[in-house]
Amino acid sequence: MKEISTLIYFVSNFQADSENSERESLDLTLTRMEKSDVGPSERTIENIMNFARSYEVFESEEAGFVEMNLN
């Protein structure tokens, strides 16, 4: 067995293990979030909706897309 193939073997195994642990951690976090009844406050929702109402995007021939936040 060549040294380079041994290196590739160990790197591949390490990447697979780290991806699995990241996936398990994400699954655990998502499960906890689904079970909790915590959500954004009414003020946060209102701020997001106000921003969405004032945000517009126009297409311009010279500049491409122009984003505007109207007051």
Foldseek 3Di string as FASTA:
>chain_A
DDPVVVVVVVVVVVVVVVVVVVVVVVVVVVVVVVPDPDDDDPVVVVVVVLQVVQWDWDQDPVPGIDIGRHD
